[in-house]
């Protein structure tokens, strides 16, 4: 007799996924993309599937089904993917070089540094700090401080005409 009862795990298809009409699924996919990417709702720290469903006038099961079937991931991974992509952009942008990881994490919608690091590592296989350092070594110009924009003050003092009152 075998010591361990090991059986192959069968992948179950969630029934609600097949109940969603493919046309409705396509419509919801476009609405989800609009809300999450175009409107940048992923930057909202507590933007849940429930909130997205309310915004789109549907329910969380439909949201879950569409994200699972059309994007091949769960809702949290879907939202975090866009947060991480935004963070990658900020980490390589000279304008944001002075920000720390908590600031970047906050700007893209993560509620804490730990979840930011975990999601970033899951997507890229390296930490945000490693990503930033690698991009700086590959592109040394990124390490330069951005030049201040605007007019340079001239060396001349502004003079104003004062008219003397006539006597």
N, C-alpha and C. Protein backbone atom coordinates (compact mmCIF):
# COMPACT_ATOMS: atom_id res chain seq x y z
N UNK A 1 0.84 -1.17 0.00
CA UNK A 1 0.00 0.00 0.00
C UNK A 1 0.89 1.24 0.00
N UNK A 2 0.50 2.21 -0.81
CA UNK A 2 1.29 3.44 -0.93
C UNK A 2 1.14 4.28 0.33
N UNK A 3 2.25 4.88 0.69
CA UNK A 3 2.24 5.69 1.89
C UNK A 3 1.43 6.98 1.71
N UNK A 4 1.52 7.54 0.54
CA UNK A 4 0.82 8.80 0.25
C UNK A 4 -0.23 8.58 -0.82
N UNK A 5 -1.37 9.14 -0.62
CA UNK A 5 -2.44 9.03 -1.61
C UNK A 5 -2.33 10.24 -2.55
N UNK A 6 -1.54 10.08 -3.58
CA UNK A 6 -1.31 11.19 -4.51
C UNK A 6 -2.12 10.94 -5.76
N UNK A 7 -3.00 11.88 -6.04
CA UNK A 7 -3.78 11.80 -7.28
C UNK A 7 -3.54 13.07 -8.07
N UNK A 8 -3.64 12.95 -9.34
CA UNK A 8 -3.44 14.11 -10.19
C UNK A 8 -4.59 15.08 -10.01
N UNK A 9 -4.25 16.32 -9.79
CA UNK A 9 -5.28 17.34 -9.58
C UNK A 9 -5.86 17.72 -10.93
N UNK A 10 -7.19 17.65 -11.00
CA UNK A 10 -7.87 18.02 -12.23
C UNK A 10 -8.24 19.49 -12.17
N UNK A 11 -7.97 20.18 -13.27
CA UNK A 11 -8.29 21.60 -13.35
C UNK A 11 -9.80 21.72 -13.51
N UNK A 12 -10.44 22.42 -12.60
CA UNK A 12 -11.88 22.62 -12.68
C UNK A 12 -12.16 23.91 -13.44
N UNK A 13 -13.15 23.87 -14.24
CA UNK A 13 -13.60 25.07 -14.94
C UNK A 13 -14.71 25.68 -14.10
N UNK A 14 -14.52 26.91 -13.69
CA UNK A 14 -15.56 27.58 -12.89
C UNK A 14 -16.80 27.73 -13.76
N UNK A 15 -17.92 27.28 -13.24
CA UNK A 15 -19.15 27.28 -14.04
C UNK A 15 -19.58 28.66 -14.47
N UNK A 16 -19.36 29.67 -13.63
CA UNK A 16 -19.81 31.01 -14.00
C UNK A 16 -19.04 31.56 -15.20
N UNK A 17 -17.84 31.05 -15.43
CA UNK A 17 -17.07 31.51 -16.59
C UNK A 17 -17.75 31.13 -17.90
N UNK A 18 -18.35 29.96 -17.92
CA UNK A 18 -19.02 29.52 -19.15
C UNK A 18 -20.43 30.09 -19.27
N UNK A 19 -20.97 30.61 -18.19
CA UNK A 19 -22.31 31.19 -18.24
C UNK A 19 -22.32 32.60 -18.83
N UNK A 20 -21.15 33.26 -18.87
CA UNK A 20 -21.08 34.61 -19.40
C UNK A 20 -21.03 34.52 -20.92
N UNK A 21 -21.99 35.18 -21.53
CA UNK A 21 -22.08 35.24 -22.98
C UNK A 21 -20.78 35.81 -23.55
N UNK A 22 -20.18 35.18 -24.60
CA UNK A 22 -18.93 35.69 -25.18
C UNK A 22 -19.00 37.15 -25.65
N UNK A 23 -20.15 37.55 -26.18
CA UNK A 23 -20.30 38.94 -26.62
C UNK A 23 -20.25 39.88 -25.41
N UNK A 24 -20.96 39.52 -24.34
CA UNK A 24 -20.94 40.31 -23.12
C UNK A 24 -19.52 40.34 -22.54
N UNK A 25 -18.83 39.22 -22.63
CA UNK A 25 -17.47 39.13 -22.12
C UNK A 25 -16.56 40.12 -22.87
N UNK A 26 -16.72 40.20 -24.19
CA UNK A 26 -15.92 41.14 -24.99
C UNK A 26 -16.24 42.58 -24.63
N UNK A 27 -17.52 42.88 -24.42
CA UNK A 27 -17.92 44.23 -24.04
C UNK A 27 -17.34 44.61 -22.68
N UNK A 28 -17.45 43.69 -21.74
CA UNK A 28 -16.91 43.94 -20.41
C UNK A 28 -15.39 44.08 -20.44
N UNK A 29 -14.73 43.30 -21.29
CA UNK A 29 -13.28 43.39 -21.42
C UNK A 29 -12.89 44.82 -21.81
N UNK A 30 -13.57 45.38 -22.81
CA UNK A 30 -13.27 46.74 -23.26
C UNK A 30 -13.55 47.76 -22.17
N UNK A 31 -14.65 47.58 -21.44
CA UNK A 31 -14.99 48.49 -20.35
C UNK A 31 -13.96 48.41 -19.21
N UNK A 32 -13.52 47.20 -18.93
CA UNK A 32 -12.51 47.00 -17.88
C UNK A 32 -11.21 47.69 -18.28
N UNK A 33 -10.79 47.49 -19.53
CA UNK A 33 -9.56 48.13 -20.01
C UNK A 33 -9.67 49.65 -19.94
N UNK A 34 -10.84 50.17 -20.31
CA UNK A 34 -11.04 51.62 -20.27
C UNK A 34 -10.92 52.13 -18.83
N UNK A 35 -11.60 51.47 -17.91
CA UNK A 35 -11.59 51.93 -16.52
C UNK A 35 -10.20 51.78 -15.89
N UNK A 36 -9.58 50.65 -16.10
CA UNK A 36 -8.32 50.37 -15.42
C UNK A 36 -7.14 51.09 -16.08
N UNK A 37 -7.06 51.07 -17.40
CA UNK A 37 -5.89 51.63 -18.07
C UNK A 37 -6.08 53.09 -18.47
N UNK A 38 -7.15 53.38 -19.21
CA UNK A 38 -7.36 54.75 -19.70
C UNK A 38 -7.64 55.70 -18.54
N UNK A 39 -8.54 55.30 -17.65
CA UNK A 39 -8.88 56.15 -16.51
C UNK A 39 -7.89 55.99 -15.35
N UNK A 40 -6.94 55.07 -15.50
CA UNK A 40 -5.89 54.80 -14.51
C UNK A 40 -6.44 54.53 -13.10
N UNK A 41 -7.51 53.75 -13.04
CA UNK A 41 -8.09 53.40 -11.74
C UNK A 41 -7.16 52.52 -10.92
N UNK A 42 -6.19 51.87 -11.56
CA UNK A 42 -5.25 51.03 -10.82
C UNK A 42 -4.44 51.84 -9.81
N UNK A 43 -4.38 53.15 -9.99
CA UNK A 43 -3.63 53.99 -9.05
C UNK A 43 -4.36 54.20 -7.73
N UNK A 44 -5.64 53.84 -7.70
CA UNK A 44 -6.41 53.96 -6.46
C UNK A 44 -6.06 52.76 -5.57
N UNK A 45 -5.55 53.04 -4.39
CA UNK A 45 -5.04 51.99 -3.51
C UNK A 45 -6.02 50.86 -3.24
N UNK A 46 -7.27 51.18 -2.94
CA UNK A 46 -8.23 50.14 -2.57
C UNK A 46 -9.26 49.91 -3.67
N UNK A 47 -8.82 49.97 -4.93
CA UNK A 47 -9.74 49.75 -6.05
C UNK A 47 -9.98 48.26 -6.22
N UNK A 48 -11.08 47.80 -5.71
CA UNK A 48 -11.40 46.37 -5.68
C UNK A 48 -12.22 45.96 -6.90
N UNK A 49 -12.35 44.65 -7.06
CA UNK A 49 -13.20 44.12 -8.12
C UNK A 49 -14.65 44.55 -7.87
N UNK A 50 -15.01 44.66 -6.61
CA UNK A 50 -16.37 45.11 -6.27
C UNK A 50 -16.59 46.55 -6.75
N UNK A 51 -15.59 47.41 -6.53
CA UNK A 51 -15.70 48.80 -6.97
C UNK A 51 -15.76 48.88 -8.49
N UNK A 52 -14.93 48.09 -9.17
CA UNK A 52 -14.95 48.06 -10.64
C UNK A 52 -16.31 47.59 -11.14
N UNK A 53 -16.84 46.56 -10.52
CA UNK A 53 -18.15 46.04 -10.91
C UNK A 53 -19.23 47.11 -10.74
N UNK A 54 -19.17 47.85 -9.64
CA UNK A 54 -20.14 48.94 -9.42
C UNK A 54 -19.98 50.02 -10.48
N UNK A 55 -18.73 50.38 -10.80
CA UNK A 55 -18.47 51.39 -11.82
C UNK A 55 -19.01 50.98 -13.19
N UNK A 56 -18.95 49.68 -13.48
CA UNK A 56 -19.39 49.17 -14.78
C UNK A 56 -20.83 48.68 -14.79
N UNK A 57 -21.49 48.72 -13.66
CA UNK A 57 -22.88 48.29 -13.58
C UNK A 57 -23.06 46.79 -13.76
N UNK A 58 -22.13 46.02 -13.21
CA UNK A 58 -22.22 44.57 -13.30
C UNK A 58 -21.89 43.98 -11.93
N UNK A 59 -21.57 42.70 -11.89
CA UNK A 59 -21.25 42.08 -10.60
C UNK A 59 -19.82 41.53 -10.60
N UNK A 60 -19.33 41.20 -9.42
CA UNK A 60 -17.94 40.76 -9.30
C UNK A 60 -17.67 39.41 -9.97
N UNK A 61 -18.68 38.57 -10.04
CA UNK A 61 -18.47 37.28 -10.72
C UNK A 61 -18.18 37.49 -12.21
N UNK A 62 -18.87 38.42 -12.83
CA UNK A 62 -18.62 38.72 -14.24
C UNK A 62 -17.24 39.33 -14.41
N UNK A 63 -16.88 40.24 -13.52
CA UNK A 63 -15.55 40.86 -13.58
C UNK A 63 -14.49 39.77 -13.46
N UNK A 64 -14.64 38.91 -12.48
CA UNK A 64 -13.70 37.82 -12.26
C UNK A 64 -13.61 36.90 -13.47
N UNK A 65 -14.76 36.55 -14.03
CA UNK A 65 -14.79 35.66 -15.19
C UNK A 65 -14.07 36.29 -16.38
N UNK A 66 -14.34 37.55 -16.64
CA UNK A 66 -13.70 38.23 -17.79
C UNK A 66 -12.20 38.33 -17.60
N UNK A 67 -11.78 38.74 -16.42
CA UNK A 67 -10.34 38.88 -16.15
C UNK A 67 -9.65 37.52 -16.26
N UNK A 68 -10.28 36.48 -15.72
CA UNK A 68 -9.69 35.14 -15.80
C UNK A 68 -9.61 34.63 -17.22
N UNK A 69 -10.70 34.74 -17.97
CA UNK A 69 -10.76 34.17 -19.32
C UNK A 69 -10.02 35.03 -20.35
N UNK A 70 -10.22 36.32 -20.31
CA UNK A 70 -9.64 37.19 -21.34
C UNK A 70 -8.20 37.62 -21.06
N UNK A 71 -7.83 37.72 -19.77
CA UNK A 71 -6.49 38.18 -19.43
C UNK A 71 -5.63 37.09 -18.80
N UNK A 72 -6.21 35.94 -18.52
CA UNK A 72 -5.51 34.76 -18.00
C UNK A 72 -4.80 35.03 -16.67
N UNK A 73 -5.47 35.78 -15.80
CA UNK A 73 -4.94 36.03 -14.45
C UNK A 73 -6.09 36.42 -13.55
N UNK A 74 -5.81 36.50 -12.26
CA UNK A 74 -6.85 36.94 -11.34
C UNK A 74 -6.88 38.47 -11.28
N UNK A 75 -7.88 39.02 -10.62
CA UNK A 75 -8.07 40.47 -10.58
C UNK A 75 -6.88 41.19 -9.97
N UNK A 76 -6.38 40.69 -8.85
CA UNK A 76 -5.26 41.34 -8.17
C UNK A 76 -4.02 41.38 -9.06
N UNK A 77 -3.71 40.27 -9.70
CA UNK A 77 -2.56 40.23 -10.61
C UNK A 77 -2.75 41.19 -11.78
N UNK A 78 -3.97 41.27 -12.27
CA UNK A 78 -4.30 42.17 -13.38
C UNK A 78 -4.02 43.62 -13.00
N UNK A 79 -4.53 44.05 -11.86
CA UNK A 79 -4.33 45.43 -11.39
C UNK A 79 -2.85 45.69 -11.10
N UNK A 80 -2.21 44.75 -10.42
CA UNK A 80 -0.80 44.92 -10.07
C UNK A 80 0.10 45.00 -11.29
N UNK A 81 -0.28 44.32 -12.36
CA UNK A 81 0.51 44.37 -13.60
C UNK A 81 0.64 45.81 -14.09
N UNK A 82 -0.45 46.55 -14.07
CA UNK A 82 -0.42 47.94 -14.54
C UNK A 82 0.29 48.85 -13.54
N UNK A 83 0.16 48.54 -12.27
CA UNK A 83 0.89 49.31 -11.26
C UNK A 83 2.39 49.13 -11.43
N UNK A 84 2.81 47.89 -11.67
CA UNK A 84 4.24 47.59 -11.85
C UNK A 84 4.76 48.25 -13.12
N UNK A 85 3.99 48.21 -14.20
CA UNK A 85 4.42 48.86 -15.45
C UNK A 85 4.62 50.36 -15.24
N UNK A 86 3.70 50.99 -14.51
CA UNK A 86 3.82 52.41 -14.20
C UNK A 86 5.06 52.66 -13.34
N UNK A 87 5.28 51.80 -12.36
CA UNK A 87 6.45 51.93 -11.48
C UNK A 87 7.74 51.81 -12.29
N UNK A 88 7.79 50.88 -13.24
CA UNK A 88 8.97 50.72 -14.08
C UNK A 88 9.26 52.00 -14.85
N UNK A 89 8.21 52.62 -15.33
CA UNK A 89 8.36 53.89 -16.05
C UNK A 89 8.90 54.98 -15.13
N UNK A 90 8.37 55.07 -13.92
CA UNK A 90 8.81 56.09 -12.96
C UNK A 90 10.25 55.85 -12.51
N UNK A 91 10.60 54.58 -12.32
CA UNK A 91 11.95 54.25 -11.85
C UNK A 91 13.03 54.61 -12.86
N UNK A 92 12.68 54.68 -14.12
CA UNK A 92 13.66 55.02 -15.15
C UNK A 92 13.51 56.45 -15.66
N UNK A 93 12.65 57.22 -15.04
CA UNK A 93 12.42 58.60 -15.45
C UNK A 93 13.30 59.52 -14.60
N UNK A 94 14.11 60.33 -15.26
CA UNK A 94 15.03 61.23 -14.54
C UNK A 94 14.30 62.17 -13.58
N UNK A 95 13.09 62.54 -13.91
CA UNK A 95 12.35 63.48 -13.06
C UNK A 95 12.02 62.89 -11.69
N UNK A 96 12.05 61.56 -11.57
CA UNK A 96 11.66 60.92 -10.32
C UNK A 96 12.83 60.22 -9.62
N UNK A 97 14.06 60.51 -10.02
CA UNK A 97 15.22 59.83 -9.46
C UNK A 97 15.40 60.07 -7.96
N UNK A 98 14.92 61.19 -7.47
CA UNK A 98 15.10 61.52 -6.06
C UNK A 98 14.08 60.84 -5.15
N UNK A 99 13.04 60.26 -5.73
CA UNK A 99 12.00 59.62 -4.91
C UNK A 99 12.48 58.28 -4.37
N UNK A 100 12.02 57.93 -3.17
CA UNK A 100 12.36 56.62 -2.62
C UNK A 100 11.31 55.60 -3.07
N UNK A 101 11.54 54.35 -2.74
CA UNK A 101 10.64 53.27 -3.20
C UNK A 101 9.24 53.41 -2.62
N UNK A 102 9.12 53.91 -1.41
CA UNK A 102 7.80 54.10 -0.81
C UNK A 102 6.99 55.13 -1.60
N UNK A 103 7.68 56.20 -2.04
CA UNK A 103 7.01 57.23 -2.83
C UNK A 103 6.51 56.67 -4.16
N UNK A 104 7.38 55.91 -4.83
CA UNK A 104 7.00 55.29 -6.11
C UNK A 104 5.84 54.33 -5.89
N UNK A 105 5.95 53.51 -4.87
CA UNK A 105 4.91 52.54 -4.53
C UNK A 105 3.57 53.24 -4.32
N UNK A 106 3.61 54.33 -3.58
CA UNK A 106 2.41 55.10 -3.29
C UNK A 106 1.82 55.73 -4.56
N UNK A 107 2.67 56.24 -5.42
CA UNK A 107 2.21 56.92 -6.64
C UNK A 107 1.46 55.98 -7.59
N UNK A 108 1.85 54.70 -7.59
CA UNK A 108 1.24 53.77 -8.53
C UNK A 108 0.09 52.96 -7.93
N UNK A 109 -0.20 53.17 -6.65
CA UNK A 109 -1.40 52.56 -6.07
C UNK A 109 -1.21 51.42 -5.10
N UNK A 110 0.04 51.08 -4.77
CA UNK A 110 0.24 50.02 -3.77
C UNK A 110 0.03 50.61 -2.38
N UNK A 111 -0.53 49.80 -1.49
CA UNK A 111 -0.81 50.29 -0.15
C UNK A 111 0.40 50.23 0.76
N UNK A 112 1.40 49.41 0.41
CA UNK A 112 2.61 49.35 1.22
C UNK A 112 3.79 48.86 0.38
N UNK A 113 4.98 49.07 0.91
CA UNK A 113 6.20 48.73 0.18
C UNK A 113 6.32 47.22 -0.03
N UNK A 114 5.88 46.45 0.95
CA UNK A 114 6.01 44.99 0.85
C UNK A 114 5.21 44.44 -0.32
N UNK A 115 3.97 44.88 -0.47
CA UNK A 115 3.16 44.39 -1.59
C UNK A 115 3.72 44.89 -2.92
N UNK A 116 4.29 46.09 -2.93
CA UNK A 116 4.94 46.62 -4.13
C UNK A 116 6.11 45.74 -4.54
N UNK A 117 6.99 45.44 -3.59
CA UNK A 117 8.15 44.60 -3.89
C UNK A 117 7.73 43.21 -4.35
N UNK A 118 6.73 42.62 -3.69
CA UNK A 118 6.27 41.27 -4.05
C UNK A 118 5.70 41.25 -5.47
N UNK A 119 4.85 42.23 -5.79
CA UNK A 119 4.25 42.27 -7.13
C UNK A 119 5.31 42.56 -8.19
N UNK A 120 6.22 43.47 -7.89
CA UNK A 120 7.28 43.83 -8.84
C UNK A 120 8.15 42.62 -9.14
N UNK A 121 8.53 41.90 -8.08
CA UNK A 121 9.37 40.71 -8.25
C UNK A 121 8.63 39.63 -9.03
N UNK A 122 7.35 39.48 -8.78
CA UNK A 122 6.55 38.47 -9.49
C UNK A 122 6.53 38.75 -10.99
N UNK A 123 6.43 40.02 -11.37
CA UNK A 123 6.37 40.39 -12.78
C UNK A 123 7.74 40.36 -13.44
N UNK A 124 8.77 40.88 -12.75
CA UNK A 124 10.08 41.07 -13.37
C UNK A 124 11.19 40.12 -12.94
N UNK A 125 10.99 39.44 -11.82
CA UNK A 125 12.04 38.54 -11.33
C UNK A 125 13.18 39.25 -10.61
N UNK A 126 13.06 40.57 -10.44
CA UNK A 126 14.03 41.35 -9.69
C UNK A 126 13.28 42.39 -8.86
N UNK A 127 13.95 42.95 -7.86
CA UNK A 127 13.30 43.95 -7.02
C UNK A 127 13.29 45.30 -7.75
N UNK A 128 12.44 46.22 -7.31
CA UNK A 128 12.42 47.55 -7.93
C UNK A 128 13.78 48.25 -7.82
N UNK A 129 14.44 48.09 -6.69
CA UNK A 129 15.75 48.72 -6.51
C UNK A 129 16.76 48.16 -7.51
N UNK A 130 16.77 46.83 -7.69
CA UNK A 130 17.67 46.22 -8.68
C UNK A 130 17.34 46.73 -10.08
N UNK A 131 16.05 46.84 -10.38
CA UNK A 131 15.62 47.33 -11.68
C UNK A 131 16.14 48.76 -11.93
N UNK A 132 16.02 49.60 -10.93
CA UNK A 132 16.47 50.98 -11.04
C UNK A 132 17.99 51.03 -11.24
N UNK A 133 18.73 50.26 -10.44
CA UNK A 133 20.18 50.24 -10.56
C UNK A 133 20.64 49.71 -11.91
N UNK A 134 19.99 48.67 -12.41
CA UNK A 134 20.34 48.14 -13.73
C UNK A 134 20.08 49.15 -14.83
N UNK A 135 18.96 49.85 -14.74
CA UNK A 135 18.65 50.84 -15.77
C UNK A 135 19.64 52.00 -15.72
N UNK A 136 20.11 52.36 -14.52
CA UNK A 136 21.10 53.43 -14.40
C UNK A 136 22.45 53.02 -14.97
N UNK A 137 22.83 51.74 -14.79
CA UNK A 137 24.11 51.29 -15.33
C UNK A 137 24.04 51.12 -16.84
N UNK A 138 22.88 50.75 -17.36
CA UNK A 138 22.72 50.58 -18.81
C UNK A 138 22.55 51.92 -19.52
N UNK A 139 22.00 52.90 -18.82
CA UNK A 139 21.75 54.22 -19.39
C UNK A 139 22.26 55.29 -18.42
N UNK A 140 23.57 55.56 -18.43
CA UNK A 140 24.14 56.50 -17.46
C UNK A 140 23.51 57.90 -17.51
N UNK A 141 22.96 58.28 -18.64
CA UNK A 141 22.34 59.60 -18.74
C UNK A 141 21.16 59.74 -17.79
N UNK A 142 20.56 58.63 -17.40
CA UNK A 142 19.43 58.67 -16.46
C UNK A 142 19.87 59.13 -15.08
N UNK A 143 21.13 58.90 -14.76
CA UNK A 143 21.63 59.27 -13.44
C UNK A 143 21.85 60.78 -13.31
N UNK A 144 21.97 61.45 -14.45
CA UNK A 144 22.16 62.90 -14.41
C UNK A 144 20.92 63.58 -13.89
N UNK A 145 21.12 64.63 -13.15
CA UNK A 145 19.96 65.37 -12.63
C UNK A 145 19.32 66.13 -13.78
N UNK A 146 17.99 66.17 -13.80
CA UNK A 146 17.32 66.91 -14.88
C UNK A 146 17.61 68.40 -14.76
N UNK A 147 17.71 69.02 -15.91
CA UNK A 147 17.95 70.46 -15.93
C UNK A 147 16.68 71.18 -15.55
N UNK A 148 16.86 72.28 -14.82
CA UNK A 148 15.71 73.10 -14.44
C UNK A 148 15.18 73.77 -15.69
N UNK A 149 13.89 73.82 -15.77
CA UNK A 149 13.26 74.49 -16.91
C UNK A 149 12.84 75.88 -16.50
N UNK A 150 12.69 76.71 -17.47
CA UNK A 150 12.26 78.07 -17.18
C UNK A 150 13.33 79.06 -17.59
N UNK A 151 13.08 80.31 -17.35
CA UNK A 151 14.02 81.35 -17.74
C UNK A 151 15.13 81.47 -16.73
N UNK A 152 16.31 81.74 -17.25
CA UNK A 152 17.44 81.99 -16.37
C UNK A 152 17.39 83.45 -15.98
N UNK A 153 17.70 83.73 -14.73
CA UNK A 153 17.70 85.14 -14.34
C UNK A 153 18.86 85.86 -15.01
N UNK A 154 18.59 87.03 -15.54
CA UNK A 154 19.64 87.79 -16.20
C UNK A 154 20.45 88.54 -15.16
N UNK A 155 21.65 88.94 -15.54
CA UNK A 155 22.54 89.64 -14.63
C UNK A 155 22.13 91.08 -14.41
N UNK A 156 21.30 91.59 -15.28
CA UNK A 156 20.89 92.99 -15.19
C UNK A 156 19.76 93.14 -14.18
N UNK A 157 19.81 94.26 -13.49
CA UNK A 157 18.71 94.57 -12.59
C UNK A 157 17.65 95.28 -13.38
N UNK A 158 16.43 94.97 -13.06
CA UNK A 158 15.33 95.66 -13.74
C UNK A 158 15.25 97.07 -13.21
N UNK A 159 15.14 97.98 -14.12
CA UNK A 159 14.99 99.37 -13.70
C UNK A 159 13.62 99.83 -14.14
N UNK A 160 13.04 100.60 -13.32
CA UNK A 160 11.74 101.15 -13.66
C UNK A 160 11.87 102.64 -13.81
N UNK A 161 11.13 103.17 -14.73
CA UNK A 161 11.16 104.60 -14.95
C UNK A 161 10.31 105.28 -13.89
N UNK A 162 10.93 106.19 -13.26
CA UNK A 162 10.19 107.01 -12.30
C UNK A 162 10.12 108.41 -12.87
N UNK A 163 8.97 108.89 -12.99
CA UNK A 163 8.84 110.26 -13.50
C UNK A 163 8.79 111.21 -12.34
N UNK A 164 9.52 112.27 -12.49
CA UNK A 164 9.52 113.29 -11.49
C UNK A 164 8.30 114.17 -11.65
N UNK A 165 7.64 114.50 -10.58
CA UNK A 165 6.49 115.38 -10.71
C UNK A 165 6.94 116.77 -11.18
N UNK A 166 6.12 117.36 -12.05
CA UNK A 166 6.45 118.67 -12.58
C UNK A 166 6.15 119.70 -11.50
N UNK A 167 7.06 120.70 -11.41
CA UNK A 167 6.84 121.73 -10.39
C UNK A 167 6.20 122.92 -10.96
